[in-house]
Amino acid sequence: MSEPKPGLAGKAEIEVMYDLIVAALQTDSTRVLTYRQPVGALLQSLDLKVAPHDMSHYTPGDRMAASQRRDVTQSQLLAGLLDKLKATKEADGTSLFDHVALAYGSNIRTIHYLDNCPTVVTGGGANLKLGQHLVLPKDTPLCNVWLTMLHGIGLDPKQLERHGDSTGVVKELQA
């Protein structure tokens, strides 16, 4: 893990935060965390001049090119985090990845719609079927994914029948 430098921002800041996340999980300093990437700083570190909000209006030209470059960079950063989780070995020979339930996504997709939000769910900690691309039926609440993960980490389905606006679990995710 590299030591943070004063004024660290954007891509480098996210890389250091991912190192800290791995260290916190590895040392059992936490079992639950959330992280909101500093997208504005990320764009600046990539020398992109489009404002984060403007990127949500996905139109051909500078906005689309900037959005695609941001998406590629965020995907590379996420892949790096997953590689670190897989490379971090536990005492029993498994990897930290095998014990993590990780969700990565956004609260919106293009044009501010709050449906059909792209979400990556991975890690072995929630007993999910990994390595698939699911397109859920229209109007499926995202909370169905969260409910599936909560059941997968061991919360009793009889005691936790719903989460938020969930309507049930995503059976295709259950291992």
N, C-alpha and C. Protein backbone atom coordinates (compact mmCIF):
# COMPACT_ATOMS: atom_id res chain seq x y z
N MET A 1 0.86 -1.17 0.00
CA MET A 1 0.00 0.00 0.00
C MET A 1 0.90 1.22 0.00
N SER A 2 0.59 2.18 -0.85
CA SER A 2 1.39 3.40 -0.91
C SER A 2 0.90 4.41 0.12
N GLU A 3 1.82 5.24 0.57
CA GLU A 3 1.48 6.25 1.57
C GLU A 3 0.84 7.45 0.87
N PRO A 4 -0.28 7.93 1.39
CA PRO A 4 -0.94 9.08 0.76
C PRO A 4 -0.04 10.32 0.80
N LYS A 5 -0.09 11.08 -0.27
CA LYS A 5 0.67 12.33 -0.35
C LYS A 5 -0.30 13.49 -0.14
N PRO A 6 0.18 14.59 0.46
CA PRO A 6 -0.70 15.75 0.62
C PRO A 6 -1.24 16.20 -0.74
N GLY A 7 -2.51 16.55 -0.76
CA GLY A 7 -3.11 17.05 -2.00
C GLY A 7 -3.47 15.95 -2.99
N LEU A 8 -3.39 14.70 -2.58
CA LEU A 8 -3.73 13.59 -3.45
C LEU A 8 -5.19 13.71 -3.85
N ALA A 9 -5.47 13.60 -5.15
CA ALA A 9 -6.85 13.75 -5.61
C ALA A 9 -7.10 12.89 -6.83
N GLY A 10 -8.38 12.68 -7.11
CA GLY A 10 -8.77 11.99 -8.33
C GLY A 10 -8.41 10.52 -8.32
N LYS A 11 -7.85 10.08 -9.44
CA LYS A 11 -7.52 8.67 -9.62
C LYS A 11 -6.60 8.16 -8.52
N ALA A 12 -5.57 8.91 -8.19
CA ALA A 12 -4.62 8.49 -7.15
C ALA A 12 -5.31 8.37 -5.80
N GLU A 13 -6.22 9.28 -5.50
CA GLU A 13 -6.96 9.23 -4.24
C GLU A 13 -7.81 7.96 -4.17
N ILE A 14 -8.45 7.61 -5.26
CA ILE A 14 -9.29 6.40 -5.30
C ILE A 14 -8.42 5.16 -5.11
N GLU A 15 -7.26 5.13 -5.73
CA GLU A 15 -6.35 3.99 -5.57
C GLU A 15 -5.93 3.83 -4.11
N VAL A 16 -5.62 4.93 -3.45
CA VAL A 16 -5.24 4.87 -2.04
C VAL A 16 -6.44 4.44 -1.18
N MET A 17 -7.61 4.95 -1.50
CA MET A 17 -8.81 4.54 -0.74
C MET A 17 -9.07 3.05 -0.90
N TYR A 18 -8.88 2.52 -2.10
CA TYR A 18 -9.06 1.08 -2.31
C TYR A 18 -8.05 0.29 -1.49
N ASP A 19 -6.81 0.79 -1.39
CA ASP A 19 -5.81 0.14 -0.53
C ASP A 19 -6.27 0.15 0.92
N LEU A 20 -6.82 1.29 1.36
CA LEU A 20 -7.30 1.39 2.74
C LEU A 20 -8.50 0.47 2.99
N ILE A 21 -9.36 0.34 2.00
CA ILE A 21 -10.52 -0.55 2.12
C ILE A 21 -10.04 -1.99 2.31
N VAL A 22 -9.08 -2.41 1.49
CA VAL A 22 -8.55 -3.77 1.62
C VAL A 22 -7.92 -3.95 3.00
N ALA A 23 -7.12 -2.98 3.44
CA ALA A 23 -6.47 -3.07 4.75
C ALA A 23 -7.50 -3.13 5.87
N ALA A 24 -8.56 -2.32 5.79
CA ALA A 24 -9.60 -2.31 6.83
C ALA A 24 -10.32 -3.65 6.89
N LEU A 25 -10.60 -4.23 5.74
CA LEU A 25 -11.27 -5.53 5.72
C LEU A 25 -10.33 -6.64 6.19
N GLN A 26 -9.09 -6.57 5.74
CA GLN A 26 -8.12 -7.60 6.10
C GLN A 26 -7.86 -7.64 7.60
N THR A 27 -7.82 -6.48 8.22
CA THR A 27 -7.55 -6.41 9.66
C THR A 27 -8.82 -6.50 10.49
N ASP A 28 -9.95 -6.70 9.83
CA ASP A 28 -11.25 -6.79 10.50
C ASP A 28 -11.55 -5.53 11.30
N SER A 29 -11.04 -4.39 10.80
CA SER A 29 -11.33 -3.10 11.43
C SER A 29 -12.76 -2.67 11.15
N THR A 30 -13.34 -3.22 10.11
CA THR A 30 -14.73 -2.99 9.78
C THR A 30 -15.24 -4.18 9.00
N ARG A 31 -16.53 -4.34 9.01
CA ARG A 31 -17.16 -5.39 8.20
C ARG A 31 -18.13 -4.81 7.19
N VAL A 32 -18.42 -3.53 7.32
CA VAL A 32 -19.33 -2.86 6.41
C VAL A 32 -18.75 -1.48 6.10
N LEU A 33 -18.77 -1.12 4.83
CA LEU A 33 -18.34 0.23 4.48
C LEU A 33 -18.98 0.66 3.18
N THR A 34 -19.06 1.95 3.02
CA THR A 34 -19.50 2.54 1.76
C THR A 34 -18.45 3.56 1.35
N TYR A 35 -18.33 3.75 0.06
CA TYR A 35 -17.38 4.72 -0.45
C TYR A 35 -17.97 5.38 -1.68
N ARG A 36 -18.03 6.67 -1.65
CA ARG A 36 -18.51 7.45 -2.79
C ARG A 36 -17.29 8.08 -3.44
N GLN A 37 -17.02 7.67 -4.65
CA GLN A 37 -15.85 8.19 -5.35
C GLN A 37 -15.96 9.69 -5.60
N PRO A 38 -14.83 10.38 -5.51
CA PRO A 38 -14.82 11.81 -5.82
C PRO A 38 -14.77 12.01 -7.35
N VAL A 39 -15.93 11.92 -7.98
CA VAL A 39 -15.99 11.92 -9.45
C VAL A 39 -15.45 13.22 -10.03
N GLY A 40 -15.77 14.36 -9.42
CA GLY A 40 -15.26 15.63 -9.93
C GLY A 40 -13.74 15.65 -9.94
N ALA A 41 -13.14 15.20 -8.85
CA ALA A 41 -11.68 15.15 -8.77
C ALA A 41 -11.11 14.12 -9.74
N LEU A 42 -11.83 13.01 -9.93
CA LEU A 42 -11.39 12.00 -10.90
C LEU A 42 -11.34 12.61 -12.30
N LEU A 43 -12.38 13.34 -12.65
CA LEU A 43 -12.41 13.96 -13.98
C LEU A 43 -11.26 14.95 -14.14
N GLN A 44 -10.98 15.72 -13.11
CA GLN A 44 -9.86 16.67 -13.17
C GLN A 44 -8.54 15.94 -13.34
N SER A 45 -8.36 14.82 -12.62
CA SER A 45 -7.10 14.08 -12.73
C SER A 45 -6.94 13.44 -14.11
N LEU A 46 -8.05 13.26 -14.81
CA LEU A 46 -8.00 12.73 -16.18
C LEU A 46 -7.96 13.85 -17.21
N ASP A 47 -7.91 15.09 -16.71
CA ASP A 47 -7.89 16.28 -17.56
C ASP A 47 -9.13 16.38 -18.44
N LEU A 48 -10.28 15.99 -17.86
CA LEU A 48 -11.55 16.11 -18.56
C LEU A 48 -12.25 17.38 -18.10
N LYS A 49 -12.72 18.15 -19.02
CA LYS A 49 -13.30 19.46 -18.70
C LYS A 49 -14.82 19.46 -18.59
N VAL A 50 -15.44 18.30 -18.70
CA VAL A 50 -16.90 18.21 -18.62
C VAL A 50 -17.29 18.02 -17.16
N ALA A 51 -18.29 18.76 -16.72
CA ALA A 51 -18.77 18.64 -15.33
C ALA A 51 -19.46 17.30 -15.13
N PRO A 52 -19.33 16.70 -13.94
CA PRO A 52 -19.98 15.40 -13.70
C PRO A 52 -21.47 15.39 -14.02
N HIS A 53 -22.17 16.45 -13.64
CA HIS A 53 -23.61 16.51 -13.92
C HIS A 53 -23.86 16.50 -15.43
N ASP A 54 -23.09 17.25 -16.17
CA ASP A 54 -23.31 17.33 -17.62
C ASP A 54 -23.10 15.99 -18.31
N MET A 55 -22.26 15.14 -17.72
CA MET A 55 -22.02 13.82 -18.32
C MET A 55 -23.27 12.96 -18.29
N SER A 56 -24.17 13.22 -17.35
CA SER A 56 -25.37 12.40 -17.26
C SER A 56 -26.30 12.66 -18.44
N HIS A 57 -26.08 13.73 -19.15
CA HIS A 57 -26.84 14.02 -20.37
C HIS A 57 -26.01 13.50 -21.53
N TYR A 58 -26.11 12.21 -21.73
CA TYR A 58 -25.25 11.43 -22.62
C TYR A 58 -25.57 11.73 -24.07
N THR A 59 -24.88 12.71 -24.61
CA THR A 59 -25.07 13.08 -26.01
C THR A 59 -23.75 12.94 -26.74
N PRO A 60 -23.79 12.67 -28.04
CA PRO A 60 -22.55 12.54 -28.80
C PRO A 60 -21.68 13.80 -28.67
N GLY A 61 -20.38 13.58 -28.72
CA GLY A 61 -19.45 14.70 -28.62
C GLY A 61 -18.61 14.61 -27.36
N ASP A 62 -18.25 15.78 -26.82
CA ASP A 62 -17.36 15.84 -25.66
C ASP A 62 -17.93 15.12 -24.44
N ARG A 63 -19.22 15.28 -24.21
CA ARG A 63 -19.83 14.64 -23.04
C ARG A 63 -19.72 13.12 -23.11
N MET A 64 -20.03 12.56 -24.26
CA MET A 64 -19.98 11.12 -24.41
C MET A 64 -18.55 10.61 -24.31
N ALA A 65 -17.62 11.30 -24.95
CA ALA A 65 -16.21 10.89 -24.89
C ALA A 65 -15.69 10.95 -23.46
N ALA A 66 -16.05 12.00 -22.74
CA ALA A 66 -15.62 12.14 -21.35
C ALA A 66 -16.25 11.04 -20.49
N SER A 67 -17.52 10.76 -20.70
CA SER A 67 -18.21 9.73 -19.94
C SER A 67 -17.58 8.37 -20.19
N GLN A 68 -17.25 8.09 -21.42
CA GLN A 68 -16.63 6.81 -21.75
C GLN A 68 -15.24 6.69 -21.12
N ARG A 69 -14.48 7.77 -21.13
CA ARG A 69 -13.14 7.74 -20.53
C ARG A 69 -13.25 7.55 -19.01
N ARG A 70 -14.21 8.24 -18.39
CA ARG A 70 -14.45 8.07 -16.96
C ARG A 70 -14.84 6.62 -16.66
N ASP A 71 -15.74 6.06 -17.47
CA ASP A 71 -16.20 4.69 -17.24
C ASP A 71 -15.07 3.68 -17.37
N VAL A 72 -14.20 3.86 -18.36
CA VAL A 72 -13.06 2.95 -18.53
C VAL A 72 -12.14 3.06 -17.32
N THR A 73 -11.86 4.28 -16.87
CA THR A 73 -10.98 4.47 -15.71
C THR A 73 -11.59 3.86 -14.46
N GLN A 74 -12.88 4.10 -14.22
CA GLN A 74 -13.53 3.52 -13.05
C GLN A 74 -13.53 1.99 -13.13
N SER A 75 -13.70 1.43 -14.31
CA SER A 75 -13.65 -0.03 -14.48
C SER A 75 -12.26 -0.57 -14.17
N GLN A 76 -11.24 0.14 -14.62
CA GLN A 76 -9.86 -0.28 -14.33
C GLN A 76 -9.58 -0.20 -12.84
N LEU A 77 -10.04 0.86 -12.20
CA LEU A 77 -9.85 0.99 -10.75
C LEU A 77 -10.57 -0.13 -10.00
N LEU A 78 -11.80 -0.43 -10.39
CA LEU A 78 -12.55 -1.51 -9.75
C LEU A 78 -11.84 -2.84 -9.96
N ALA A 79 -11.36 -3.10 -11.16
CA ALA A 79 -10.63 -4.34 -11.43
C ALA A 79 -9.40 -4.44 -10.53
N GLY A 80 -8.73 -3.31 -10.31
CA GLY A 80 -7.58 -3.30 -9.41
C GLY A 80 -7.97 -3.64 -7.99
N LEU A 81 -9.10 -3.11 -7.53
CA LEU A 81 -9.58 -3.44 -6.18
C LEU A 81 -9.89 -4.92 -6.08
N LEU A 82 -10.57 -5.46 -7.06
CA LEU A 82 -10.92 -6.89 -7.04
C LEU A 82 -9.66 -7.75 -7.06
N ASP A 83 -8.67 -7.35 -7.85
CA ASP A 83 -7.39 -8.09 -7.89
C ASP A 83 -6.72 -8.08 -6.51
N LYS A 84 -6.76 -6.93 -5.84
CA LYS A 84 -6.15 -6.83 -4.49
C LYS A 84 -6.90 -7.73 -3.50
N LEU A 85 -8.23 -7.74 -3.58
CA LEU A 85 -9.01 -8.60 -2.70
C LEU A 85 -8.68 -10.08 -2.95
N LYS A 86 -8.51 -10.44 -4.21
CA LYS A 86 -8.20 -11.84 -4.56
C LYS A 86 -6.78 -12.20 -4.14
N ALA A 87 -5.86 -11.24 -4.18
CA ALA A 87 -4.46 -11.50 -3.83
C ALA A 87 -4.22 -11.50 -2.33
N THR A 88 -5.15 -10.99 -1.56
CA THR A 88 -4.99 -10.92 -0.11
C THR A 88 -5.45 -12.24 0.50
N LYS A 89 -4.50 -13.01 0.98
CA LYS A 89 -4.78 -14.35 1.49
C LYS A 89 -5.15 -14.33 2.97
N GLU A 90 -6.10 -15.18 3.31
CA GLU A 90 -6.54 -15.36 4.67
C GLU A 90 -5.76 -16.53 5.29
N ALA A 91 -5.84 -16.67 6.60
CA ALA A 91 -5.11 -17.72 7.31
C ALA A 91 -5.51 -19.12 6.82
N ASP A 92 -6.78 -19.27 6.39
CA ASP A 92 -7.25 -20.59 5.95
C ASP A 92 -6.94 -20.89 4.49
N GLY A 93 -6.20 -19.98 3.82
CA GLY A 93 -5.82 -20.20 2.43
C GLY A 93 -6.77 -19.59 1.42
N THR A 94 -7.93 -19.15 1.87
CA THR A 94 -8.85 -18.48 0.96
C THR A 94 -8.38 -17.05 0.75
N SER A 95 -9.06 -16.34 -0.11
CA SER A 95 -8.72 -14.93 -0.32
C SER A 95 -9.76 -14.04 0.35
N LEU A 96 -9.39 -12.81 0.56
CA LEU A 96 -10.33 -11.84 1.13
C LEU A 96 -11.55 -11.72 0.23
N PHE A 97 -11.34 -11.81 -1.08
CA PHE A 97 -12.45 -11.75 -2.05
C PHE A 97 -13.50 -12.81 -1.73
N ASP A 98 -13.06 -13.99 -1.27
CA ASP A 98 -13.99 -15.08 -0.97
C ASP A 98 -14.94 -14.75 0.17
N HIS A 99 -14.61 -13.73 0.95
CA HIS A 99 -15.41 -13.39 2.14
C HIS A 99 -16.09 -12.03 2.04
N VAL A 100 -15.98 -11.38 0.90
CA VAL A 100 -16.52 -10.04 0.72
C VAL A 100 -17.79 -10.10 -0.13
N ALA A 101 -18.77 -9.29 0.23
CA ALA A 101 -19.95 -9.06 -0.61
C ALA A 101 -19.85 -7.62 -1.07
N LEU A 102 -19.57 -7.41 -2.34
CA LEU A 102 -19.29 -6.08 -2.86
C LEU A 102 -20.32 -5.70 -3.91
N ALA A 103 -20.87 -4.52 -3.76
CA ALA A 103 -21.78 -3.96 -4.76
C ALA A 103 -21.18 -2.64 -5.22
N TYR A 104 -21.15 -2.45 -6.53
CA TYR A 104 -20.58 -1.24 -7.13
C TYR A 104 -21.58 -0.74 -8.16
N GLY A 105 -21.99 0.50 -8.00
CA GLY A 105 -22.96 1.01 -8.94
C GLY A 105 -23.14 2.50 -8.84
N SER A 106 -24.25 2.93 -9.35
CA SER A 106 -24.58 4.34 -9.39
C SER A 106 -26.04 4.50 -9.04
N ASN A 107 -26.38 5.68 -8.57
CA ASN A 107 -27.79 5.92 -8.27
C ASN A 107 -28.58 6.30 -9.51
N ILE A 108 -27.88 6.56 -10.60
CA ILE A 108 -28.58 6.90 -11.85
C ILE A 108 -27.88 6.27 -13.03
N ARG A 109 -28.58 6.26 -14.15
CA ARG A 109 -27.94 5.93 -15.42
C ARG A 109 -28.02 7.20 -16.25
N THR A 110 -28.04 7.11 -17.52
CA THR A 110 -28.06 8.32 -18.33
C THR A 110 -29.39 9.06 -18.20
N ILE A 111 -29.36 10.33 -18.39
CA ILE A 111 -30.53 11.21 -18.41
C ILE A 111 -31.33 11.19 -17.11
N HIS A 112 -30.70 10.92 -15.98
CA HIS A 112 -31.33 11.02 -14.67
C HIS A 112 -32.45 10.03 -14.39
N TYR A 113 -32.57 8.96 -15.16
CA TYR A 113 -33.58 7.97 -14.83
C TYR A 113 -33.09 7.15 -13.65
N LEU A 114 -33.98 6.81 -12.75
CA LEU A 114 -33.61 6.05 -11.57
C LEU A 114 -33.97 4.58 -11.70
N ASP A 115 -34.23 4.14 -12.92
CA ASP A 115 -34.47 2.72 -13.15
C ASP A 115 -33.34 2.17 -14.01
N ASN A 116 -33.24 0.87 -14.06
CA ASN A 116 -32.23 0.23 -14.88
C ASN A 116 -30.82 0.71 -14.54
N CYS A 117 -30.52 0.85 -13.25
CA CYS A 117 -29.21 1.33 -12.81
C CYS A 117 -28.19 0.20 -12.93
N PRO A 118 -27.11 0.43 -13.64
CA PRO A 118 -26.08 -0.62 -13.75
C PRO A 118 -25.42 -0.86 -12.39
N THR A 119 -25.33 -2.13 -12.01
CA THR A 119 -24.77 -2.49 -10.72
C THR A 119 -23.94 -3.76 -10.87
N VAL A 120 -22.74 -3.74 -10.31
CA VAL A 120 -21.89 -4.93 -10.27
C VAL A 120 -21.99 -5.49 -8.86
N VAL A 121 -22.27 -6.78 -8.77
CA VAL A 121 -22.33 -7.47 -7.49
C VAL A 121 -21.33 -8.61 -7.57
N THR A 122 -20.41 -8.67 -6.60
CA THR A 122 -19.37 -9.69 -6.69
C THR A 122 -18.84 -10.05 -5.30
N GLY A 123 -17.92 -10.95 -5.26
CA GLY A 123 -17.34 -11.43 -4.01
C GLY A 123 -18.04 -12.69 -3.55
N GLY A 124 -17.34 -13.48 -2.77
CA GLY A 124 -17.89 -14.76 -2.32
C GLY A 124 -18.66 -14.69 -1.02
N GLY A 125 -18.73 -13.52 -0.41
CA GLY A 125 -19.31 -13.40 0.92
C GLY A 125 -20.82 -13.48 1.01
N ALA A 126 -21.52 -13.35 -0.10
CA ALA A 126 -22.98 -13.36 -0.04
C ALA A 126 -23.58 -14.58 -0.74
N ASN A 127 -22.73 -15.57 -1.03
CA ASN A 127 -23.22 -16.82 -1.62
C ASN A 127 -24.05 -16.56 -2.88
N LEU A 128 -23.49 -15.77 -3.78
CA LEU A 128 -24.18 -15.42 -5.02
C LEU A 128 -23.60 -16.18 -6.20
N LYS A 129 -24.40 -16.33 -7.25
CA LYS A 129 -23.90 -16.85 -8.52
C LYS A 129 -23.19 -15.68 -9.20
N LEU A 130 -21.90 -15.84 -9.41
CA LEU A 130 -21.12 -14.77 -10.03
C LEU A 130 -20.87 -15.07 -11.50
N GLY A 131 -20.33 -14.10 -12.21
CA GLY A 131 -19.93 -14.30 -13.60
C GLY A 131 -21.07 -14.31 -14.58
N GLN A 132 -22.10 -13.56 -14.30
CA GLN A 132 -23.24 -13.50 -15.22
C GLN A 132 -23.69 -12.05 -15.38
N HIS A 133 -24.36 -11.81 -16.49
CA HIS A 133 -24.95 -10.50 -16.76
C HIS A 133 -26.46 -10.70 -16.74
N LEU A 134 -27.10 -10.04 -15.80
CA LEU A 134 -28.55 -10.17 -15.67
C LEU A 134 -29.23 -8.89 -16.09
N VAL A 135 -30.28 -9.03 -16.84
CA VAL A 135 -31.18 -7.92 -17.14
C VAL A 135 -32.50 -8.31 -16.50
N LEU A 136 -32.80 -7.64 -15.41
CA LEU A 136 -34.00 -7.99 -14.66
C LEU A 136 -35.24 -7.39 -15.32
N PRO A 137 -36.38 -7.98 -15.07
CA PRO A 137 -37.62 -7.45 -15.67
C PRO A 137 -37.84 -5.98 -15.30
N LYS A 138 -38.47 -5.28 -16.21
CA LYS A 138 -38.78 -3.86 -15.99
C LYS A 138 -39.50 -3.70 -14.65
N ASP A 139 -39.18 -2.62 -13.98
CA ASP A 139 -39.78 -2.26 -12.70
C ASP A 139 -39.35 -3.15 -11.53
N THR A 140 -38.28 -3.94 -11.70
CA THR A 140 -37.74 -4.71 -10.57
C THR A 140 -36.99 -3.73 -9.67
N PRO A 141 -37.36 -3.62 -8.41
CA PRO A 141 -36.66 -2.69 -7.52
C PRO A 141 -35.21 -3.14 -7.26
N LEU A 142 -34.29 -2.20 -7.23
CA LEU A 142 -32.90 -2.50 -6.90
C LEU A 142 -32.81 -3.10 -5.50
N CYS A 143 -33.75 -2.76 -4.63
CA CYS A 143 -33.76 -3.32 -3.28
C CYS A 143 -33.91 -4.84 -3.30
N ASN A 144 -34.39 -5.42 -4.40
CA ASN A 144 -34.43 -6.88 -4.51
C ASN A 144 -33.01 -7.46 -4.50
N VAL A 145 -32.08 -6.75 -5.12
CA VAL A 145 -30.67 -7.18 -5.11
C VAL A 145 -30.13 -7.09 -3.69
N TRP A 146 -30.42 -5.98 -3.02
CA TRP A 146 -29.93 -5.82 -1.64
C TRP A 146 -30.51 -6.90 -0.73
N LEU A 147 -31.78 -7.21 -0.89
CA LEU A 147 -32.41 -8.26 -0.09
C LEU A 147 -31.74 -9.61 -0.35
N THR A 148 -31.45 -9.89 -1.62
CA THR A 148 -30.77 -11.14 -1.98
C THR A 148 -29.40 -11.21 -1.31
N MET A 149 -28.67 -10.10 -1.32
CA MET A 149 -27.35 -10.07 -0.68
C MET A 149 -27.48 -10.24 0.83
N LEU A 150 -28.45 -9.60 1.44
CA LEU A 150 -28.64 -9.72 2.89
C LEU A 150 -28.95 -11.16 3.28
N HIS A 151 -29.78 -11.82 2.50
CA HIS A 151 -30.05 -13.23 2.77
C HIS A 151 -28.78 -14.05 2.56
N GLY A 152 -28.01 -13.71 1.53
CA GLY A 152 -26.79 -14.44 1.21
C GLY A 152 -25.71 -14.33 2.27
N ILE A 153 -25.68 -13.22 3.02
CA ILE A 153 -24.68 -13.09 4.08
C ILE A 153 -25.15 -13.70 5.38
N GLY A 154 -26.38 -14.25 5.38
CA GLY A 154 -26.82 -15.00 6.54
C GLY A 154 -27.98 -14.44 7.32
N LEU A 155 -28.54 -13.32 6.90
CA LEU A 155 -29.73 -12.82 7.61
C LEU A 155 -30.91 -13.72 7.29
N ASP A 156 -31.64 -14.09 8.29
CA ASP A 156 -32.73 -15.05 8.18
C ASP A 156 -33.86 -14.50 7.31
N PRO A 157 -34.16 -15.18 6.20
CA PRO A 157 -35.25 -14.71 5.32
C PRO A 157 -36.60 -14.63 6.02
N LYS A 158 -36.80 -15.43 7.07
CA LYS A 158 -38.07 -15.39 7.80
C LYS A 158 -38.17 -14.12 8.65
N GLN A 159 -37.01 -13.60 9.09
CA GLN A 159 -37.00 -12.39 9.89
C GLN A 159 -36.82 -11.14 9.03
N LEU A 160 -36.31 -11.31 7.83
CA LEU A 160 -36.10 -10.18 6.93
C LEU A 160 -36.74 -10.52 5.59
N GLU A 161 -38.03 -10.27 5.52
CA GLU A 161 -38.77 -10.60 4.31
C GLU A 161 -38.69 -9.51 3.25
N ARG A 162 -38.43 -8.27 3.71
CA ARG A 162 -38.38 -7.14 2.78
C ARG A 162 -37.24 -6.23 3.16
N HIS A 163 -36.79 -5.45 2.18
CA HIS A 163 -35.81 -4.40 2.41
C HIS A 163 -36.20 -3.23 1.51
N GLY A 164 -36.49 -2.08 2.12
CA GLY A 164 -36.91 -0.93 1.32
C GLY A 164 -38.16 -1.26 0.53
N ASP A 165 -38.10 -1.02 -0.78
CA ASP A 165 -39.25 -1.30 -1.64
C ASP A 165 -39.15 -2.64 -2.34
N SER A 166 -38.37 -3.56 -1.77
CA SER A 166 -38.19 -4.87 -2.41
C SER A 166 -39.52 -5.61 -2.54
N THR A 167 -39.56 -6.45 -3.55
CA THR A 167 -40.73 -7.30 -3.79
C THR A 167 -40.36 -8.78 -3.71
N GLY A 168 -39.09 -9.05 -3.42
CA GLY A 168 -38.61 -10.43 -3.33
C GLY A 168 -37.13 -10.48 -3.66
N VAL A 169 -36.58 -11.68 -3.64
CA VAL A 169 -35.17 -11.85 -3.96
C VAL A 169 -35.00 -12.03 -5.46
N VAL A 170 -33.77 -11.88 -5.91
CA VAL A 170 -33.43 -12.16 -7.31
C VAL A 170 -32.92 -13.59 -7.36
N LYS A 171 -33.81 -14.50 -7.74
CA LYS A 171 -33.48 -15.93 -7.71
C LYS A 171 -32.27 -16.26 -8.59
N GLU A 172 -32.09 -15.52 -9.69
CA GLU A 172 -30.97 -15.78 -10.59
C GLU A 172 -29.63 -15.48 -9.94
N LEU A 173 -29.62 -14.71 -8.85
CA LEU A 173 -28.38 -14.39 -8.14
C LEU A 173 -28.06 -15.40 -7.05
N GLN A 174 -29.04 -16.14 -6.59
CA GLN A 174 -28.83 -17.05 -5.46
C GLN A 174 -28.07 -18.29 -5.92
N ALA A 175 -27.02 -18.62 -5.15
CA ALA A 175 -26.23 -19.82 -5.47
C ALA A 175 -26.92 -21.05 -4.93
